[in-house]
Amino acid sequence: MLYGAPATRRRDAQRNRAAILEAASEVLTGSGEIALMPEIARRAGVGQATLYRHFADRHTLLAGVIAYQLERLEAAAEQTDFRRLLSETLHSLTAHPGLVRLAGRLDPAMQVRYLRRLVAAFAVPLCRARERGEVRPDLELEDLGLLFAMVQGAVEKNGDPGRSIAIILDGVFRD
């Protein structure tokens, strides 16, 4: 029985971490701002000590949420076509205004690392879309950072993000 205990705790720890990241993501989607840590612990179904064992403060939690969302995007990129991946990512940026706003407060070097990772997830799907002639021939991977910033700007100006996304997608794809 002693041999099974560490593995069980490890699975529990992984499950708790995932629950915390999901709860924090929901909070960012709902209110647009990160809630107090106790609220996130409550939503995750864990105690505050468990939350703080995984994330010492709001900044480490925010970094964890961003990394978690990037992992989800990277997994989706392997199985999704470029149009759908780009559309879903742009819509996700508008659905998580608090996350986007808080990410802008991170250390600039960390922001650059996250943006590079975000853009890199699109490399293979973009290459496939180019090969099929689905996108404008002059679209470069680096252009995606500009597209993300444009949608972020629309959200910050309280514009219609859906319209902004439609305009961006019309400019990227050949129909």
C-alpha atoms as a PDB file:
ATOM      1  CA  MET A   1       0.000   0.000   0.000  1.00  0.00           C
ATOM      2  CA  LEU A   2       2.871   2.368   0.714  1.00  0.00           C
ATOM      3  CA  TYR A   3       4.099   2.086  -2.879  1.00  0.00           C
ATOM      4  CA  GLY A   4       0.790   3.312  -4.298  1.00  0.00           C
ATOM      5  CA  ALA A   5       0.538   6.442  -2.162  1.00  0.00           C
ATOM      6  CA  PRO A   6       3.004   8.739  -4.014  1.00  0.00           C
ATOM      7  CA  ALA A   7       1.508   7.953  -7.418  1.00  0.00           C
ATOM      8  CA  THR A   8      -1.989   8.588  -6.092  1.00  0.00           C
ATOM      9  CA  ARG A   9      -0.957  11.915  -4.637  1.00  0.00           C
ATOM     10  CA  ARG A  10       0.758  12.805  -7.877  1.00  0.00           C
ATOM     11  CA  ARG A  11      -2.437  12.154  -9.857  1.00  0.00           C
ATOM     12  CA  ASP A  12      -4.373  14.128  -7.260  1.00  0.00           C
ATOM     13  CA  ALA A  13      -1.897  16.984  -7.536  1.00  0.00           C
ATOM     14  CA  GLN A  14      -2.236  16.995 -11.319  1.00  0.00           C
ATOM     15  CA  ARG A  15      -6.005  16.928 -11.077  1.00  0.00           C
ATOM     16  CA  ASN A  16      -5.980  19.763  -8.514  1.00  0.00           C
ATOM     17  CA  ARG A  17      -3.674  21.874 -10.677  1.00  0.00           C
ATOM     18  CA  ALA A  18      -5.896  21.367 -13.726  1.00  0.00           C
ATOM     19  CA  ALA A  19      -9.003  22.240 -11.679  1.00  0.00           C
ATOM     20  CA  ILE A  20      -7.334  25.422 -10.434  1.00  0.00           C
ATOM     21  CA  LEU A  21      -6.322  26.452 -13.952  1.00  0.00           C
ATOM     22  CA  GLU A  22      -9.823  25.755 -15.285  1.00  0.00           C
ATOM     23  CA  ALA A  23     -11.399  27.737 -12.447  1.00  0.00           C
ATOM     24  CA  ALA A  24      -9.034  30.673 -12.977  1.00  0.00           C
ATOM     25  CA  SER A  25      -9.756  30.583 -16.715  1.00  0.00           C
ATOM     26  CA  GLU A  26     -13.491  30.694 -16.011  1.00  0.00           C
ATOM     27  CA  VAL A  27     -13.054  33.639 -13.675  1.00  0.00           C
ATOM     28  CA  LEU A  28     -11.118  35.508 -16.333  1.00  0.00           C
ATOM     29  CA  THR A  29     -13.803  34.754 -18.913  1.00  0.00           C
ATOM     30  CA  GLY A  30     -16.690  35.733 -16.654  1.00  0.00           C
ATOM     31  CA  SER A  31     -15.702  38.907 -14.885  1.00  0.00           C
ATOM     32  CA  GLY A  32     -12.831  40.100 -17.010  1.00  0.00           C
ATOM     33  CA  GLU A  33     -10.646  40.425 -13.930  1.00  0.00           C
ATOM     34  CA  ILE A  34      -8.939  37.866 -11.789  1.00  0.00           C
ATOM     35  CA  ALA A  35     -10.895  37.179  -8.639  1.00  0.00           C
ATOM     36  CA  LEU A  36      -9.451  36.756  -5.236  1.00  0.00           C
ATOM     37  CA  MET A  37      -7.486  33.576  -4.752  1.00  0.00           C
ATOM     38  CA  PRO A  38     -10.086  32.169  -2.301  1.00  0.00           C
ATOM     39  CA  GLU A  39     -12.774  32.424  -4.989  1.00  0.00           C
ATOM     40  CA  ILE A  40     -10.619  30.472  -7.435  1.00  0.00           C
ATOM     41  CA  ALA A  41      -9.911  27.809  -4.786  1.00  0.00           C
ATOM     42  CA  ARG A  42     -13.640  27.534  -4.088  1.00  0.00           C
ATOM     43  CA  ARG A  43     -14.499  27.139  -7.763  1.00  0.00           C
ATOM     44  CA  ALA A  44     -11.739  24.563  -8.197  1.00  0.00           C
ATOM     45  CA  GLY A  45     -12.983  22.574  -5.225  1.00  0.00           C
ATOM     46  CA  VAL A  46      -9.653  22.783  -3.407  1.00  0.00           C
ATOM     47  CA  GLY A  47      -8.481  24.413  -0.223  1.00  0.00           C
ATOM     48  CA  GLN A  48      -6.547  27.656  -0.234  1.00  0.00           C
ATOM     49  CA  ALA A  49      -3.438  25.824   0.944  1.00  0.00           C
ATOM     50  CA  THR A  50      -3.619  23.595  -2.133  1.00  0.00           C
ATOM     51  CA  LEU A  51      -4.019  26.622  -4.374  1.00  0.00           C
ATOM     52  CA  TYR A  52      -1.002  28.344  -2.829  1.00  0.00           C
ATOM     53  CA  ARG A  53       1.036  25.135  -2.982  1.00  0.00           C
ATOM     54  CA  HIS A  54       0.621  25.215  -6.765  1.00  0.00           C
ATOM     55  CA  PHE A  55       0.636  28.997  -7.274  1.00  0.00           C
ATOM     56  CA  ALA A  56       2.339  31.245  -4.746  1.00  0.00           C
ATOM     57  CA  ASP A  57       0.581  34.419  -5.913  1.00  0.00           C
ATOM     58  CA  ARG A  58      -1.587  35.935  -8.635  1.00  0.00           C
ATOM     59  CA  HIS A  59       1.354  36.425 -10.992  1.00  0.00           C
ATOM     60  CA  THR A  60       2.338  32.762 -10.911  1.00  0.00           C
ATOM     61  CA  LEU A  61      -1.319  31.807 -11.309  1.00  0.00           C
ATOM     62  CA  LEU A  62      -1.662  34.105 -14.316  1.00  0.00           C
ATOM     63  CA  ALA A  63       1.497  32.637 -15.860  1.00  0.00           C
ATOM     64  CA  GLY A  64       0.084  29.163 -15.205  1.00  0.00           C
ATOM     65  CA  VAL A  65      -3.239  30.011 -16.856  1.00  0.00           C
ATOM     66  CA  ILE A  66      -1.503  31.433 -19.925  1.00  0.00           C
ATOM     67  CA  ALA A  67       0.774  28.391 -20.206  1.00  0.00           C
ATOM     68  CA  TYR A  68      -2.259  26.103 -19.776  1.00  0.00           C
ATOM     69  CA  GLN A  69      -4.175  27.902 -22.528  1.00  0.00           C
ATOM     70  CA  LEU A  70      -1.110  27.738 -24.797  1.00  0.00           C
ATOM     71  CA  GLU A  71      -0.801  23.988 -24.192  1.00  0.00           C
ATOM     72  CA  ARG A  72      -4.435  23.581 -25.217  1.00  0.00           C
ATOM     73  CA  LEU A  73      -3.823  25.648 -28.356  1.00  0.00           C
ATOM     74  CA  GLU A  74      -0.694  23.661 -29.248  1.00  0.00           C
ATOM     75  CA  ALA A  75      -2.608  20.394 -28.920  1.00  0.00           C
ATOM     76  CA  ALA A  76      -5.449  21.745 -31.067  1.00  0.00           C
ATOM     77  CA  ALA A  77      -3.005  23.018 -33.704  1.00  0.00           C
ATOM     78  CA  GLU A  78      -1.905  19.477 -34.452  1.00  0.00           C
ATOM     79  CA  GLN A  79      -5.440  18.453 -35.394  1.00  0.00           C
ATOM     80  CA  THR A  80      -7.128  21.613 -36.670  1.00  0.00           C
ATOM     81  CA  ASP A  81      -6.934  23.451 -39.958  1.00  0.00           C
ATOM     82  CA  PHE A  82      -5.540  26.970 -40.027  1.00  0.00           C
ATOM     83  CA  ARG A  83      -8.842  28.767 -40.632  1.00  0.00           C
ATOM     84  CA  ARG A  84     -10.554  27.143 -37.668  1.00  0.00           C
ATOM     85  CA  LEU A  85      -7.510  27.515 -35.412  1.00  0.00           C
ATOM     86  CA  LEU A  86      -7.132  31.210 -36.214  1.00  0.00           C
ATOM     87  CA  SER A  87     -10.851  31.901 -35.858  1.00  0.00           C
ATOM     88  CA  GLU A  88     -11.091  30.083 -32.516  1.00  0.00           C
ATOM     89  CA  THR A  89      -7.959  31.802 -31.204  1.00  0.00           C
ATOM     90  CA  LEU A  90      -9.200  35.262 -32.164  1.00  0.00           C
ATOM     91  CA  HIS A  91     -12.580  34.550 -30.566  1.00  0.00           C
ATOM     92  CA  SER A  92     -10.822  33.227 -27.465  1.00  0.00           C
ATOM     93  CA  LEU A  93      -8.905  36.494 -27.149  1.00  0.00           C
ATOM     94  CA  THR A  94     -12.212  38.358 -27.066  1.00  0.00           C
ATOM     95  CA  ALA A  95     -13.729  35.876 -24.595  1.00  0.00           C
ATOM     96  CA  HIS A  96     -10.852  36.314 -22.126  1.00  0.00           C
ATOM     97  CA  PRO A  97     -10.423  40.089 -21.879  1.00  0.00           C
ATOM     98  CA  GLY A  98      -9.197  39.898 -18.303  1.00  0.00           C
ATOM     99  CA  LEU A  99      -6.563  37.355 -19.204  1.00  0.00           C
ATOM    100  CA  VAL A 100      -5.376  39.435 -22.151  1.00  0.00           C
ATOM    101  CA  ARG A 101      -5.327  42.612 -20.047  1.00  0.00           C
ATOM    102  CA  LEU A 102      -3.452  40.933 -17.194  1.00  0.00           C
ATOM    103  CA  ALA A 103      -0.997  39.318 -19.604  1.00  0.00           C
ATOM    104  CA  GLY A 104      -0.134  42.841 -20.709  1.00  0.00           C
ATOM    105  CA  ARG A 105       1.045  43.535 -17.163  1.00  0.00           C
ATOM    106  CA  LEU A 106       3.529  40.663 -17.137  1.00  0.00           C
ATOM    107  CA  ASP A 107       7.246  41.154 -17.482  1.00  0.00           C
ATOM    108  CA  PRO A 108       7.916  42.225 -21.110  1.00  0.00           C
ATOM    109  CA  ALA A 109      10.321  39.332 -21.673  1.00  0.00           C
ATOM    110  CA  MET A 110       7.635  36.887 -20.549  1.00  0.00           C
ATOM    111  CA  GLN A 111       5.095  38.563 -22.839  1.00  0.00           C
ATOM    112  CA  VAL A 112       7.463  38.079 -25.785  1.00  0.00           C
ATOM    113  CA  ARG A 113       7.991  34.401 -24.892  1.00  0.00           C
ATOM    114  CA  TYR A 114       4.244  33.789 -24.715  1.00  0.00           C
ATOM    115  CA  LEU A 115       3.597  35.603 -28.003  1.00  0.00           C
ATOM    116  CA  ARG A 116       6.340  33.601 -29.741  1.00  0.00           C
ATOM    117  CA  ARG A 117       4.888  30.383 -28.410  1.00  0.00           C
ATOM    118  CA  LEU A 118       1.405  31.434 -29.513  1.00  0.00           C
ATOM    119  CA  VAL A 119       2.556  32.264 -33.022  1.00  0.00           C
ATOM    120  CA  ALA A 120       4.740  29.131 -33.277  1.00  0.00           C
ATOM    121  CA  ALA A 121       1.687  26.953 -32.677  1.00  0.00           C
ATOM    122  CA  PHE A 122       0.371  28.166 -36.032  1.00  0.00           C
ATOM    123  CA  ALA A 123       3.464  27.255 -38.074  1.00  0.00           C
ATOM    124  CA  VAL A 124       2.383  23.840 -39.362  1.00  0.00           C
ATOM    125  CA  PRO A 125      -1.303  24.699 -39.934  1.00  0.00           C
ATOM    126  CA  LEU A 126      -0.262  27.865 -41.801  1.00  0.00           C
ATOM    127  CA  CYS A 127       2.168  25.908 -43.964  1.00  0.00           C
ATOM    128  CA  ARG A 128      -0.589  23.443 -44.870  1.00  0.00           C
ATOM    129  CA  ALA A 129      -3.009  26.275 -45.652  1.00  0.00           C
ATOM    130  CA  ARG A 130      -0.388  27.930 -47.872  1.00  0.00           C
ATOM    131  CA  GLU A 131       0.227  24.670 -49.739  1.00  0.00           C
ATOM    132  CA  ARG A 132      -3.514  24.381 -50.435  1.00  0.00           C
ATOM    133  CA  GLY A 133      -3.740  28.006 -51.554  1.00  0.00           C
ATOM    134  CA  GLU A 134      -6.226  28.870 -48.796  1.00  0.00           C
ATOM    135  CA  VAL A 135      -4.458  31.978 -47.526  1.00  0.00           C
ATOM    136  CA  ARG A 136      -2.974  35.023 -49.140  1.00  0.00           C
ATOM    137  CA  PRO A 137       0.465  34.141 -50.483  1.00  0.00           C
ATOM    138  CA  ASP A 138       2.185  36.991 -48.640  1.00  0.00           C
ATOM    139  CA  LEU A 139       0.907  35.966 -45.188  1.00  0.00           C
ATOM    140  CA  GLU A 140       3.843  35.305 -42.879  1.00  0.00           C
ATOM    141  CA  LEU A 141       3.841  33.635 -39.482  1.00  0.00           C
ATOM    142  CA  GLU A 142       5.031  36.907 -37.924  1.00  0.00           C
ATOM    143  CA  ASP A 143       1.892  38.641 -39.233  1.00  0.00           C
ATOM    144  CA  LEU A 144      -0.186  36.692 -36.732  1.00  0.00           C
ATOM    145  CA  GLY A 145       1.146  38.793 -33.847  1.00  0.00           C
ATOM    146  CA  LEU A 146      -0.250  41.853 -35.625  1.00  0.00           C
ATOM    147  CA  LEU A 147      -3.620  40.146 -36.124  1.00  0.00           C
ATOM    148  CA  PHE A 148      -3.800  39.269 -32.417  1.00  0.00           C
ATOM    149  CA  ALA A 149      -2.901  42.841 -31.479  1.00  0.00           C
ATOM    150  CA  MET A 150      -5.620  44.176 -33.788  1.00  0.00           C
ATOM    151  CA  VAL A 151      -8.284  42.077 -32.082  1.00  0.00           C
ATOM    152  CA  GLN A 152      -6.924  43.033 -28.666  1.00  0.00           C
ATOM    153  CA  GLY A 153      -7.154  46.690 -29.690  1.00  0.00           C
ATOM    154  CA  ALA A 154     -10.784  46.223 -30.746  1.00  0.00           C
ATOM    155  CA  VAL A 155     -11.588  44.667 -27.374  1.00  0.00           C
ATOM    156  CA  GLU A 156      -9.843  47.470 -25.485  1.00  0.00           C
ATOM    157  CA  LYS A 157     -11.737  50.135 -27.481  1.00  0.00           C
ATOM    158  CA  ASN A 158     -15.016  48.357 -26.758  1.00  0.00           C
ATOM    159  CA  GLY A 159     -15.530  47.864 -30.452  1.00  0.00           C
ATOM    160  CA  ASP A 160     -17.367  44.944 -31.985  1.00  0.00           C
ATOM    161  CA  PRO A 161     -14.779  42.153 -31.775  1.00  0.00           C
ATOM    162  CA  GLY A 162     -16.918  39.865 -33.934  1.00  0.00           C
ATOM    163  CA  ARG A 163     -16.822  42.365 -36.775  1.00  0.00           C
ATOM    164  CA  SER A 164     -13.078  42.888 -36.317  1.00  0.00           C
ATOM    165  CA  ILE A 165     -12.505  39.145 -36.478  1.00  0.00           C
ATOM    166  CA  ALA A 166     -14.634  38.831 -39.618  1.00  0.00           C
ATOM    167  CA  ILE A 167     -12.648  41.605 -41.314  1.00  0.00           C
ATOM    168  CA  ILE A 168      -9.352  39.998 -40.315  1.00  0.00           C
ATOM    169  CA  LEU A 169     -10.405  36.570 -41.540  1.00  0.00           C
ATOM    170  CA  ASP A 170     -11.647  38.021 -44.842  1.00  0.00           C
ATOM    171  CA  GLY A 171      -8.247  39.661 -45.307  1.00  0.00           C
ATOM    172  CA  VAL A 172      -6.309  36.468 -44.582  1.00  0.00           C
ATOM    173  CA  PHE A 173      -8.203  33.806 -46.527  1.00  0.00           C
ATOM    174  CA  ARG A 174      -8.851  33.373 -50.213  1.00  0.00           C
ATOM    175  CA  ASP A 175     -12.393  32.288 -50.904  1.00  0.00           C
END
